[in-house]
Amino acid sequence: MKATGLTQTNATSDRPRVVRIVKHSLDIAGHRTSISLEDPFWQELKRIASAREQSLASLVSEIDAARGEANLSSAIRVFVLEALR
């Protein structure tokens, strides 16, 4: 995993906080792929997979199959956002 960071202002204070973007590798649809996600999205994606009693790779495969032309990392972020609504 490769981590990079970006600074984001915390809603409860004026102090910036670092949001880590981590590169994760998975086997989906019979091939190895990498996705870069901010840590909060990755943690929530893992929680969703667990709540559905499915593997993370299986959930990402579903998102991948339904994403159309969207970037996989972006499709995952939108999926997580919609799951939280």
Protein backbone atom coordinates (compact mmCIF):
# COMPACT_ATOMS: atom_id res chain seq x y z
CA MET A 1 0.00 0.00 0.00
CA LYS A 2 1.19 3.47 -0.84
CA ALA A 3 -0.07 6.41 1.18
CA THR A 4 -0.19 10.03 0.23
CA GLY A 5 -1.91 12.83 2.09
CA LEU A 6 -3.96 15.89 1.50
CA THR A 7 -4.94 18.56 3.96
CA GLN A 8 -8.58 19.09 4.83
CA THR A 9 -10.11 21.55 7.27
CA ASN A 10 -11.86 19.84 10.16
CA ALA A 11 -15.51 20.95 10.41
CA THR A 12 -15.25 21.38 14.20
CA SER A 13 -12.06 23.44 14.22
CA ASP A 14 -9.90 25.57 12.01
CA ARG A 15 -6.99 23.16 12.33
CA PRO A 16 -6.27 21.23 9.15
CA ARG A 17 -6.10 17.45 9.37
CA VAL A 18 -4.37 15.06 7.01
CA VAL A 19 -6.59 12.64 5.11
CA ARG A 20 -4.50 9.70 3.92
CA ILE A 21 -4.99 8.36 0.44
CA VAL A 22 -3.88 4.74 0.35
CA LYS A 23 -3.35 2.59 -2.71
CA HIS A 24 -4.88 -0.89 -2.29
CA SER A 25 -4.45 -3.87 -4.62
CA LEU A 26 -7.28 -6.36 -5.15
CA ASP A 27 -8.11 -9.26 -7.43
CA ILE A 28 -11.42 -8.51 -9.15
CA ALA A 29 -13.04 -9.97 -12.23
CA GLY A 30 -10.05 -12.28 -12.68
CA HIS A 31 -7.39 -9.57 -12.74
CA ARG A 32 -5.28 -7.58 -10.28
CA THR A 33 -6.19 -3.91 -9.94
CA SER A 34 -5.23 -1.02 -7.68
CA ILE A 35 -7.51 1.59 -6.21
CA SER A 36 -6.57 4.75 -4.37
CA LEU A 37 -8.98 5.76 -1.62
CA GLU A 38 -8.94 8.07 1.35
CA ASP A 39 -8.81 6.06 4.56
CA PRO A 40 -12.38 6.94 5.72
CA PHE A 41 -13.82 5.61 2.43
CA TRP A 42 -11.72 2.43 2.69
CA GLN A 43 -12.83 1.81 6.29
CA GLU A 44 -16.49 2.35 5.42
CA LEU A 45 -16.22 0.10 2.37
CA LYS A 46 -14.84 -2.67 4.59
CA ARG A 47 -17.68 -2.11 7.09
CA ILE A 48 -20.29 -2.35 4.32
CA ALA A 49 -18.78 -5.59 3.01
CA SER A 50 -18.79 -7.05 6.51
CA ALA A 51 -22.40 -6.00 7.14
CA ARG A 52 -23.38 -7.71 3.88
CA GLU A 53 -21.37 -10.77 4.89
CA GLN A 54 -19.37 -10.66 1.67
CA SER A 55 -15.74 -10.29 0.89
CA LEU A 56 -14.28 -6.91 0.08
CA ALA A 57 -13.17 -8.20 -3.33
CA SER A 58 -16.72 -9.39 -4.06
CA LEU A 59 -18.21 -6.01 -3.17
CA VAL A 60 -15.63 -4.14 -5.25
CA SER A 61 -16.38 -6.53 -8.15
CA GLU A 62 -20.08 -5.56 -7.94
CA ILE A 63 -19.20 -1.86 -7.94
CA ASP A 64 -16.80 -2.42 -10.84
CA ALA A 65 -19.45 -4.22 -12.91
CA ALA A 66 -21.98 -1.41 -12.39
CA ARG A 67 -19.69 1.62 -12.78
CA GLY A 68 -19.88 2.15 -16.53
CA GLU A 69 -17.22 4.60 -17.68
CA ALA A 70 -16.52 6.00 -14.19
CA ASN A 71 -13.13 5.61 -12.55
CA LEU A 72 -13.27 2.69 -10.08
CA SER A 73 -12.04 4.75 -7.11
CA SER A 74 -14.67 7.40 -7.86
CA ALA A 75 -17.38 4.76 -8.25
CA ILE A 76 -16.44 3.34 -4.85
CA ARG A 77 -16.64 6.79 -3.22
CA VAL A 78 -20.10 7.36 -4.72
CA PHE A 79 -21.21 3.86 -3.63
CA VAL A 80 -20.09 4.53 -0.04
CA LEU A 81 -21.75 7.95 -0.03
CA GLU A 82 -25.03 6.49 -1.27
CA ALA A 83 -24.85 3.65 1.28
CA LEU A 84 -24.52 6.23 4.06
CA ARG A 85 -27.55 8.24 2.93
